[in-house]
């Protein structure tokens, strides 16, 4: 019998060599996201659906750093609100 990882369609994902995943869910349903990924289900869907140029995001290190900086700033801004019991979405 052929092992499950050798069946057609079970091509190893180079972004997830260990194969370990976590289950995430959004409005479109549930998906397995690589356990070590620093992104969630929406980013995974975007990578699958919008691989238009074939250029990896890592080629744009400055853009990635800028986006991370914006996210860090937003988190720092929201931290005092969370300690006051405000919803994370506010």
N, C-alpha and C. Protein backbone atom coordinates (compact mmCIF):
# COMPACT_ATOMS: atom_id res chain seq x y z
N UNK A 1 0.84 -1.19 0.00
CA UNK A 1 0.00 0.00 0.00
C UNK A 1 0.89 1.25 0.00
N UNK A 2 0.47 2.28 -0.74
CA UNK A 2 1.23 3.52 -0.83
C UNK A 2 1.01 4.36 0.42
N UNK A 3 2.09 4.84 1.06
CA UNK A 3 1.92 5.72 2.23
C UNK A 3 1.17 6.99 1.84
N UNK A 4 0.36 7.56 2.75
CA UNK A 4 -0.43 8.75 2.43
C UNK A 4 0.40 9.91 1.89
N UNK A 5 1.64 10.07 2.39
CA UNK A 5 2.44 11.20 1.93
C UNK A 5 2.99 10.99 0.52
N UNK A 6 2.80 9.81 -0.07
CA UNK A 6 3.28 9.52 -1.42
C UNK A 6 2.15 9.48 -2.45
N UNK A 7 0.90 9.63 -1.97
CA UNK A 7 -0.23 9.60 -2.88
C UNK A 7 -0.23 10.83 -3.78
N UNK A 8 -0.76 10.71 -5.00
CA UNK A 8 -0.84 11.87 -5.89
C UNK A 8 -1.60 13.01 -5.23
N UNK A 9 -1.13 14.21 -5.40
CA UNK A 9 -1.77 15.38 -4.80
C UNK A 9 -1.20 15.76 -3.45
N UNK A 10 -0.46 14.87 -2.81
CA UNK A 10 0.15 15.18 -1.52
C UNK A 10 1.58 15.63 -1.72
N UNK A 11 1.73 16.74 -2.39
CA UNK A 11 3.05 17.29 -2.66
C UNK A 11 3.52 18.04 -1.42
N UNK A 12 4.73 17.77 -0.92
CA UNK A 12 5.21 18.48 0.27
C UNK A 12 5.25 19.98 0.03
N UNK A 13 4.82 20.74 1.01
CA UNK A 13 4.82 22.20 0.94
C UNK A 13 6.17 22.70 1.40
N UNK A 14 6.87 23.42 0.54
CA UNK A 14 8.21 23.92 0.92
C UNK A 14 8.14 24.95 2.03
N UNK A 15 6.96 25.56 2.25
CA UNK A 15 6.81 26.51 3.35
C UNK A 15 6.53 25.80 4.67
N UNK A 16 6.23 24.50 4.62
CA UNK A 16 5.91 23.75 5.82
C UNK A 16 6.52 22.36 5.74
N UNK A 17 7.85 22.27 5.80
CA UNK A 17 8.51 20.97 5.64
C UNK A 17 8.14 19.96 6.73
N UNK A 18 7.78 20.43 7.92
CA UNK A 18 7.44 19.50 9.01
C UNK A 18 6.06 18.88 8.82
N UNK A 19 5.19 19.57 8.10
CA UNK A 19 3.84 19.07 7.90
C UNK A 19 2.90 19.33 9.07
N UNK A 20 3.39 19.90 10.16
CA UNK A 20 2.57 20.17 11.34
C UNK A 20 1.77 21.45 11.09
N UNK A 21 0.46 21.38 11.35
CA UNK A 21 -0.41 22.52 11.08
C UNK A 21 -1.26 22.87 12.30
N UNK A 22 -1.87 24.03 12.23
CA UNK A 22 -2.88 24.44 13.20
C UNK A 22 -4.15 24.75 12.41
N UNK A 23 -5.30 24.52 12.99
CA UNK A 23 -6.58 24.74 12.32
C UNK A 23 -7.04 26.16 12.59
N UNK A 24 -7.31 26.92 11.53
CA UNK A 24 -7.85 28.28 11.68
C UNK A 24 -9.13 28.37 10.89
N UNK A 25 -9.94 29.36 11.24
CA UNK A 25 -11.23 29.49 10.57
C UNK A 25 -11.54 30.95 10.32
N UNK A 26 -12.16 31.22 9.18
CA UNK A 26 -12.62 32.56 8.84
C UNK A 26 -14.01 32.44 8.23
N UNK A 27 -14.51 33.51 7.62
CA UNK A 27 -15.86 33.48 7.08
C UNK A 27 -16.02 32.50 5.91
N UNK A 28 -14.91 32.12 5.27
CA UNK A 28 -14.98 31.20 4.15
C UNK A 28 -14.85 29.74 4.56
N UNK A 29 -14.56 29.51 5.82
CA UNK A 29 -14.43 28.13 6.30
C UNK A 29 -13.18 27.90 7.10
N UNK A 30 -12.78 26.65 7.20
CA UNK A 30 -11.60 26.27 7.98
C UNK A 30 -10.48 25.82 7.06
N UNK A 31 -9.26 26.07 7.49
CA UNK A 31 -8.07 25.64 6.74
C UNK A 31 -6.97 25.29 7.73
N UNK A 32 -6.06 24.45 7.31
CA UNK A 32 -4.87 24.15 8.08
C UNK A 32 -3.77 25.11 7.66
N UNK A 33 -3.18 25.78 8.63
CA UNK A 33 -2.09 26.73 8.41
C UNK A 33 -0.84 26.11 9.04
N UNK A 34 0.32 26.23 8.38
CA UNK A 34 1.54 25.68 8.98
C UNK A 34 1.73 26.18 10.41
N UNK A 35 2.05 25.27 11.31
CA UNK A 35 2.19 25.59 12.74
C UNK A 35 3.19 26.71 12.98
N UNK A 36 4.27 26.74 12.23
CA UNK A 36 5.32 27.74 12.47
C UNK A 36 5.08 29.05 11.73
N UNK A 37 3.99 29.13 10.97
CA UNK A 37 3.71 30.34 10.19
C UNK A 37 3.40 31.52 11.11
N UNK A 38 3.94 32.67 10.74
CA UNK A 38 3.66 33.90 11.49
C UNK A 38 2.50 34.66 10.85
N UNK A 39 1.71 33.95 10.05
CA UNK A 39 0.55 34.54 9.40
C UNK A 39 -0.65 33.65 9.67
N UNK A 40 -1.82 34.17 9.33
CA UNK A 40 -3.05 33.43 9.57
C UNK A 40 -3.72 33.00 8.29
N UNK A 41 -4.97 32.60 8.42
CA UNK A 41 -5.71 32.02 7.31
C UNK A 41 -5.93 33.01 6.17
N UNK A 42 -6.19 34.31 6.49
CA UNK A 42 -6.43 35.28 5.44
C UNK A 42 -5.18 35.48 4.58
N UNK A 43 -4.01 35.54 5.23
CA UNK A 43 -2.77 35.70 4.48
C UNK A 43 -2.51 34.47 3.63
N UNK A 44 -2.79 33.29 4.17
CA UNK A 44 -2.59 32.08 3.40
C UNK A 44 -3.48 32.06 2.16
N UNK A 45 -4.73 32.47 2.32
CA UNK A 45 -5.64 32.53 1.17
C UNK A 45 -5.13 33.54 0.14
N UNK A 46 -4.64 34.67 0.60
CA UNK A 46 -4.12 35.68 -0.32
C UNK A 46 -2.92 35.15 -1.09
N UNK A 47 -2.03 34.43 -0.41
CA UNK A 47 -0.86 33.88 -1.09
C UNK A 47 -1.28 32.87 -2.16
N UNK A 48 -2.32 32.11 -1.88
CA UNK A 48 -2.79 31.12 -2.85
C UNK A 48 -3.51 31.77 -4.03
N UNK A 49 -4.28 32.81 -3.74
CA UNK A 49 -5.13 33.40 -4.78
C UNK A 49 -4.49 34.52 -5.57
N UNK A 50 -3.44 35.14 -5.05
CA UNK A 50 -2.88 36.31 -5.71
C UNK A 50 -1.40 36.15 -6.02
N UNK A 51 -0.98 34.95 -6.34
CA UNK A 51 0.41 34.72 -6.75
C UNK A 51 0.54 35.11 -8.22
N UNK A 52 0.36 36.38 -8.50
CA UNK A 52 0.29 36.86 -9.88
C UNK A 52 1.68 36.99 -10.50
N UNK A 53 2.59 37.62 -9.79
CA UNK A 53 3.89 37.92 -10.37
C UNK A 53 4.87 36.76 -10.27
N UNK A 54 4.66 35.86 -9.34
CA UNK A 54 5.62 34.79 -9.11
C UNK A 54 6.80 35.23 -8.27
N UNK A 55 6.81 36.50 -7.86
CA UNK A 55 7.89 37.03 -7.03
C UNK A 55 7.51 36.82 -5.57
N UNK A 56 8.39 36.23 -4.81
CA UNK A 56 8.14 35.98 -3.39
C UNK A 56 8.16 37.30 -2.60
N UNK A 57 7.35 37.37 -1.57
CA UNK A 57 7.26 38.57 -0.74
C UNK A 57 8.60 38.90 -0.09
N UNK A 58 9.40 37.88 0.18
CA UNK A 58 10.70 38.12 0.82
C UNK A 58 11.62 38.96 -0.05
N UNK A 59 11.30 39.10 -1.34
CA UNK A 59 12.09 39.96 -2.24
C UNK A 59 11.88 41.44 -1.93
N UNK A 60 10.88 41.74 -1.11
CA UNK A 60 10.55 43.11 -0.77
C UNK A 60 10.74 43.34 0.73
N UNK A 61 11.96 43.16 1.18
CA UNK A 61 12.27 43.24 2.62
C UNK A 61 11.87 44.58 3.23
N UNK A 62 12.07 45.66 2.50
CA UNK A 62 11.72 46.99 3.02
C UNK A 62 10.22 47.11 3.25
N UNK A 63 9.44 46.59 2.32
CA UNK A 63 7.98 46.61 2.47
C UNK A 63 7.56 45.78 3.68
N UNK A 64 8.13 44.60 3.83
CA UNK A 64 7.79 43.74 4.95
C UNK A 64 8.13 44.42 6.27
N UNK A 65 9.29 45.05 6.34
CA UNK A 65 9.69 45.77 7.56
C UNK A 65 8.74 46.93 7.85
N UNK A 66 8.30 47.65 6.81
CA UNK A 66 7.38 48.76 6.99
C UNK A 66 6.03 48.27 7.51
N UNK A 67 5.52 47.19 6.94
CA UNK A 67 4.25 46.63 7.40
C UNK A 67 4.35 46.15 8.84
N UNK A 68 5.47 45.51 9.18
CA UNK A 68 5.68 45.05 10.56
C UNK A 68 5.74 46.23 11.52
N UNK A 69 6.34 47.32 11.10
CA UNK A 69 6.43 48.52 11.92
C UNK A 69 5.04 49.11 12.19
N UNK A 70 4.20 49.13 11.17
CA UNK A 70 2.83 49.64 11.34
C UNK A 70 2.06 48.75 12.30
N UNK A 71 2.19 47.43 12.14
CA UNK A 71 1.49 46.50 13.03
C UNK A 71 1.99 46.64 14.47
N UNK A 72 3.29 46.83 14.63
CA UNK A 72 3.85 47.01 15.97
C UNK A 72 3.31 48.30 16.60
N UNK A 73 3.26 49.37 15.83
CA UNK A 73 2.73 50.63 16.33
C UNK A 73 1.28 50.51 16.76
N UNK A 74 0.48 49.80 15.96
CA UNK A 74 -0.93 49.60 16.30
C UNK A 74 -1.06 48.79 17.59
N UNK A 75 -0.24 47.77 17.74
CA UNK A 75 -0.27 46.95 18.96
C UNK A 75 0.11 47.77 20.19
N UNK A 76 1.13 48.62 20.03
CA UNK A 76 1.55 49.46 21.16
C UNK A 76 0.48 50.47 21.52
N UNK A 77 -0.23 50.97 20.52
CA UNK A 77 -1.30 51.93 20.76
C UNK A 77 -2.48 51.27 21.47
N UNK A 78 -2.77 50.02 21.12
CA UNK A 78 -3.91 49.32 21.70
C UNK A 78 -3.62 48.74 23.08
N UNK A 79 -2.36 48.57 23.44
CA UNK A 79 -2.02 47.92 24.71
C UNK A 79 -2.68 48.60 25.92
N UNK A 80 -2.60 49.94 26.04
CA UNK A 80 -3.26 50.56 27.20
C UNK A 80 -4.78 50.38 27.19
N UNK A 81 -5.38 50.34 26.01
CA UNK A 81 -6.83 50.14 25.93
C UNK A 81 -7.21 48.76 26.41
N UNK A 82 -6.41 47.76 26.07
CA UNK A 82 -6.70 46.40 26.52
C UNK A 82 -6.62 46.30 28.03
N UNK A 83 -5.66 46.99 28.62
CA UNK A 83 -5.51 46.91 30.09
C UNK A 83 -6.68 47.60 30.79
N UNK A 84 -7.40 48.45 30.05
CA UNK A 84 -8.58 49.11 30.63
C UNK A 84 -9.86 48.32 30.33
N UNK A 85 -9.70 47.16 29.70
CA UNK A 85 -10.84 46.29 29.44
C UNK A 85 -11.55 46.56 28.12
N UNK A 86 -10.95 47.37 27.25
CA UNK A 86 -11.56 47.64 25.96
C UNK A 86 -11.41 46.43 25.04
N UNK A 87 -12.31 46.32 24.10
CA UNK A 87 -12.26 45.24 23.12
C UNK A 87 -11.04 45.43 22.21
N UNK A 88 -10.35 44.35 21.80
CA UNK A 88 -9.19 44.47 20.91
C UNK A 88 -9.53 45.12 19.58
N UNK A 89 -10.79 45.10 19.17
CA UNK A 89 -11.16 45.68 17.88
C UNK A 89 -11.40 47.18 17.96
N UNK A 90 -11.34 47.76 19.15
CA UNK A 90 -11.56 49.20 19.27
C UNK A 90 -10.28 49.98 19.06
